[in-house]
């Protein structure tokens, strides 16, 4: 789990906020599940 957070930090440092969200969304804890749901809702609105 910490490796996903580290990867998200590296993505943010590289200027890739969407990549960072994707790394965090791979986690299975409630905050990550909420991000995944928000991302899916936002994507379907386009």
PDB file of N, CA and C in Angstrom:
ATOM      1  N   UNK A   1       0.833  -1.189   0.000  1.00  0.00           N
ATOM      2  CA  UNK A   1       0.000   0.000   0.000  1.00  0.00           C
ATOM      3  C   UNK A   1       0.875   1.249   0.000  1.00  0.00           C
ATOM      4  N   UNK A   2       1.931   1.274   0.773  1.00  0.00           N
ATOM      5  CA  UNK A   2       2.803   2.447   0.791  1.00  0.00           C
ATOM      6  C   UNK A   2       3.459   2.674  -0.564  1.00  0.00           C
ATOM      7  N   UNK A   3       3.709   1.605  -1.315  1.00  0.00           N
ATOM      8  CA  UNK A   3       4.334   1.777  -2.623  1.00  0.00           C
ATOM      9  C   UNK A   3       3.407   2.540  -3.569  1.00  0.00           C
ATOM     10  N   UNK A   4       2.102   2.362  -3.430  1.00  0.00           N
ATOM     11  CA  UNK A   4       1.162   3.116  -4.261  1.00  0.00           C
ATOM     12  C   UNK A   4       1.172   4.600  -3.903  1.00  0.00           C
ATOM     13  N   UNK A   5       1.292   4.897  -2.622  1.00  0.00           N
ATOM     14  CA  UNK A   5       1.367   6.298  -2.191  1.00  0.00           C
ATOM     15  C   UNK A   5       2.657   6.931  -2.692  1.00  0.00           C
ATOM     16  N   UNK A   6       3.763   6.176  -2.616  1.00  0.00           N
ATOM     17  CA  UNK A   6       5.038   6.690  -3.125  1.00  0.00           C
ATOM     18  C   UNK A   6       4.958   6.936  -4.629  1.00  0.00           C
ATOM     19  N   UNK A   7       4.338   6.023  -5.350  1.00  0.00           N
ATOM     20  CA  UNK A   7       4.187   6.199  -6.793  1.00  0.00           C
ATOM     21  C   UNK A   7       3.316   7.413  -7.104  1.00  0.00           C
ATOM     22  N   UNK A   8       2.282   7.623  -6.311  1.00  0.00           N
ATOM     23  CA  UNK A   8       1.429   8.798  -6.500  1.00  0.00           C
ATOM     24  C   UNK A   8       2.226  10.079  -6.261  1.00  0.00           C
ATOM     25  N   UNK A   9       3.069  10.075  -5.252  1.00  0.00           N
ATOM     26  CA  UNK A   9       3.922  11.236  -4.982  1.00  0.00           C
ATOM     27  C   UNK A   9       4.878  11.518  -6.129  1.00  0.00           C
ATOM     28  N   UNK A  10       5.439  10.457  -6.695  1.00  0.00           N
ATOM     29  CA  UNK A  10       6.329  10.630  -7.843  1.00  0.00           C
ATOM     30  C   UNK A  10       5.562  11.186  -9.046  1.00  0.00           C
ATOM     31  N   UNK A  11       4.342  10.713  -9.246  1.00  0.00           N
ATOM     32  CA  UNK A  11       3.529  11.223 -10.350  1.00  0.00           C
ATOM     33  C   UNK A  11       3.230  12.706 -10.149  1.00  0.00           C
ATOM     34  N   UNK A  12       2.911  13.104  -8.925  1.00  0.00           N
ATOM     35  CA  UNK A  12       2.665  14.521  -8.655  1.00  0.00           C
ATOM     36  C   UNK A  12       3.915  15.353  -8.894  1.00  0.00           C
ATOM     37  N   UNK A  13       5.058  14.837  -8.463  1.00  0.00           N
ATOM     38  CA  UNK A  13       6.317  15.560  -8.667  1.00  0.00           C
ATOM     39  C   UNK A  13       6.635  15.724 -10.147  1.00  0.00           C
ATOM     40  N   UNK A  14       6.208  14.751 -10.944  1.00  0.00           N
ATOM     41  CA  UNK A  14       6.450  14.808 -12.379  1.00  0.00           C
ATOM     42  C   UNK A  14       5.400  15.648 -13.110  1.00  0.00           C
ATOM     43  N   UNK A  15       4.431  16.193 -12.363  1.00  0.00           N
ATOM     44  CA  UNK A  15       3.400  17.031 -12.977  1.00  0.00           C
ATOM     45  C   UNK A  15       2.240  16.244 -13.563  1.00  0.00           C
ATOM     46  N   UNK A  16       1.969  15.068 -13.022  1.00  0.00           N
ATOM     47  CA  UNK A  16       0.895  14.212 -13.535  1.00  0.00           C
ATOM     48  C   UNK A  16      -0.152  13.967 -12.442  1.00  0.00           C
ATOM     49  N   UNK A  17      -1.032  14.943 -12.187  1.00  0.00           N
ATOM     50  CA  UNK A  17      -2.016  14.760 -11.111  1.00  0.00           C
ATOM     51  C   UNK A  17      -3.008  13.633 -11.379  1.00  0.00           C
ATOM     52  N   UNK A  18      -3.382  13.422 -12.639  1.00  0.00           N
ATOM     53  CA  UNK A  18      -4.313  12.331 -12.936  1.00  0.00           C
ATOM     54  C   UNK A  18      -3.661  10.972 -12.710  1.00  0.00           C
ATOM     55  N   UNK A  19      -2.397  10.875 -13.019  1.00  0.00           N
ATOM     56  CA  UNK A  19      -1.669   9.640 -12.735  1.00  0.00           C
ATOM     57  C   UNK A  19      -1.615   9.378 -11.243  1.00  0.00           C
ATOM     58  N   UNK A  20      -1.431  10.440 -10.456  1.00  0.00           N
ATOM     59  CA  UNK A  20      -1.402  10.295  -9.006  1.00  0.00           C
ATOM     60  C   UNK A  20      -2.739   9.787  -8.484  1.00  0.00           C
ATOM     61  N   UNK A  21      -3.828  10.340  -9.003  1.00  0.00           N
ATOM     62  CA  UNK A  21      -5.157   9.882  -8.589  1.00  0.00           C
ATOM     63  C   UNK A  21      -5.347   8.420  -8.952  1.00  0.00           C
ATOM     64  N   UNK A  22      -4.858   8.024 -10.114  1.00  0.00           N
ATOM     65  CA  UNK A  22      -4.988   6.628 -10.520  1.00  0.00           C
ATOM     66  C   UNK A  22      -4.257   5.701  -9.562  1.00  0.00           C
ATOM     67  N   UNK A  23      -3.066   6.099  -9.120  1.00  0.00           N
ATOM     68  CA  UNK A  23      -2.345   5.262  -8.155  1.00  0.00           C
ATOM     69  C   UNK A  23      -3.103   5.152  -6.839  1.00  0.00           C
ATOM     70  N   UNK A  24      -3.631   6.270  -6.371  1.00  0.00           N
ATOM     71  CA  UNK A  24      -4.366   6.253  -5.113  1.00  0.00           C
ATOM     72  C   UNK A  24      -5.645   5.429  -5.266  1.00  0.00           C
ATOM     73  N   UNK A  25      -6.274   5.521  -6.421  1.00  0.00           N
ATOM     74  CA  UNK A  25      -7.524   4.805  -6.644  1.00  0.00           C
ATOM     75  C   UNK A  25      -7.334   3.290  -6.711  1.00  0.00           C
ATOM     76  N   UNK A  26      -6.103   2.822  -6.892  1.00  0.00           N
ATOM     77  CA  UNK A  26      -5.854   1.381  -6.892  1.00  0.00           C
ATOM     78  C   UNK A  26      -5.982   0.780  -5.501  1.00  0.00           C
ATOM     79  N   UNK A  27      -5.932   1.634  -4.479  1.00  0.00           N
ATOM     80  CA  UNK A  27      -6.049   1.145  -3.108  1.00  0.00           C
ATOM     81  C   UNK A  27      -7.487   0.720  -2.842  1.00  0.00           C
ATOM     82  N   UNK A  28      -7.675  -0.086  -1.825  1.00  0.00           N
ATOM     83  CA  UNK A  28      -9.006  -0.618  -1.509  1.00  0.00           C
ATOM     84  C   UNK A  28      -9.615  -0.042  -0.230  1.00  0.00           C
ATOM     85  N   UNK A  29      -8.985   0.982   0.363  1.00  0.00           N
ATOM     86  CA  UNK A  29      -9.546   1.567   1.574  1.00  0.00           C
ATOM     87  C   UNK A  29     -10.656   2.565   1.201  1.00  0.00           C
ATOM     88  N   UNK A  30     -11.514   2.935   2.151  1.00  0.00           N
ATOM     89  CA  UNK A  30     -12.665   3.800   1.834  1.00  0.00           C
ATOM     90  C   UNK A  30     -12.321   5.111   1.133  1.00  0.00           C
ATOM     91  N   UNK A  31     -11.267   5.850   1.531  1.00  0.00           N
ATOM     92  CA  UNK A  31     -10.975   7.083   0.799  1.00  0.00           C
ATOM     93  C   UNK A  31     -10.633   6.831  -0.671  1.00  0.00           C
ATOM     94  N   UNK A  32      -9.922   5.754  -0.938  1.00  0.00           N
ATOM     95  CA  UNK A  32      -9.578   5.441  -2.327  1.00  0.00           C
ATOM     96  C   UNK A  32     -10.815   5.038  -3.112  1.00  0.00           C
ATOM     97  N   UNK A  33     -11.698   4.294  -2.487  1.00  0.00           N
ATOM     98  CA  UNK A  33     -12.933   3.913  -3.162  1.00  0.00           C
ATOM     99  C   UNK A  33     -13.778   5.145  -3.490  1.00  0.00           C
ATOM    100  N   UNK A  34     -13.768   6.139  -2.603  1.00  0.00           N
ATOM    101  CA  UNK A  34     -14.503   7.376  -2.860  1.00  0.00           C
ATOM    102  C   UNK A  34     -13.897   8.131  -4.038  1.00  0.00           C
ATOM    103  N   UNK A  35     -12.557   8.178  -4.109  1.00  0.00           N
ATOM    104  CA  UNK A  35     -11.915   8.824  -5.252  1.00  0.00           C
ATOM    105  C   UNK A  35     -12.258   8.114  -6.549  1.00  0.00           C
ATOM    106  N   UNK A  36     -12.264   6.798  -6.506  1.00  0.00           N
ATOM    107  CA  UNK A  36     -12.586   6.021  -7.706  1.00  0.00           C
ATOM    108  C   UNK A  36     -14.013   6.325  -8.164  1.00  0.00           C
ATOM    109  N   UNK A  37     -14.951   6.399  -7.230  1.00  0.00           N
ATOM    110  CA  UNK A  37     -16.336   6.685  -7.573  1.00  0.00           C
ATOM    111  C   UNK A  37     -16.454   8.098  -8.141  1.00  0.00           C
ATOM    112  N   UNK A  38     -15.751   9.052  -7.551  1.00  0.00           N
ATOM    113  CA  UNK A  38     -15.811  10.436  -8.046  1.00  0.00           C
ATOM    114  C   UNK A  38     -15.214  10.526  -9.433  1.00  0.00           C
ATOM    115  N   UNK A  39     -14.136   9.815  -9.668  1.00  0.00           N
ATOM    116  CA  UNK A  39     -13.503   9.838 -10.988  1.00  0.00           C
ATOM    117  C   UNK A  39     -14.438   9.248 -12.029  1.00  0.00           C
ATOM    118  N   UNK A  40     -15.115   8.155 -11.680  1.00  0.00           N
ATOM    119  CA  UNK A  40     -16.037   7.521 -12.619  1.00  0.00           C
ATOM    120  C   UNK A  40     -17.228   8.419 -12.916  1.00  0.00           C
ATOM    121  N   UNK A  41     -17.743   9.104 -11.911  1.00  0.00           N
ATOM    122  CA  UNK A  41     -18.876  10.009 -12.130  1.00  0.00           C
ATOM    123  C   UNK A  41     -18.456  11.177 -13.005  1.00  0.00           C
ATOM    124  N   UNK A  42     -17.285  11.711 -12.756  1.00  0.00           N
ATOM    125  CA  UNK A  42     -16.800  12.849 -13.533  1.00  0.00           C
ATOM    126  C   UNK A  42     -16.546  12.433 -14.974  1.00  0.00           C
ATOM    127  N   UNK A  43     -16.001  11.262 -15.183  1.00  0.00           N
ATOM    128  CA  UNK A  43     -15.706  10.795 -16.534  1.00  0.00           C
ATOM    129  C   UNK A  43     -16.954  10.549 -17.355  1.00  0.00           C
ATOM    130  N   UNK A  44     -18.044  10.116 -16.725  1.00  0.00           N
ATOM    131  CA  UNK A  44     -19.264   9.824 -17.473  1.00  0.00           C
ATOM    132  C   UNK A  44     -20.008  11.100 -17.854  1.00  0.00           C
ATOM    133  N   UNK A  45     -19.678  12.226 -17.243  1.00  0.00           N
ATOM    134  CA  UNK A  45     -20.352  13.482 -17.540  1.00  0.00           C
ATOM    135  C   UNK A  45     -19.863  14.107 -18.833  1.00  0.00           C
ATOM    136  N   UNK A  46     -18.750  13.622 -19.343  1.00  0.00           N
ATOM    137  CA  UNK A  46     -18.195  14.205 -20.580  1.00  0.00           C
ATOM    138  C   UNK A  46     -18.852  13.677 -21.789  1.00  0.00           C
TER     139      UNK A  46
END
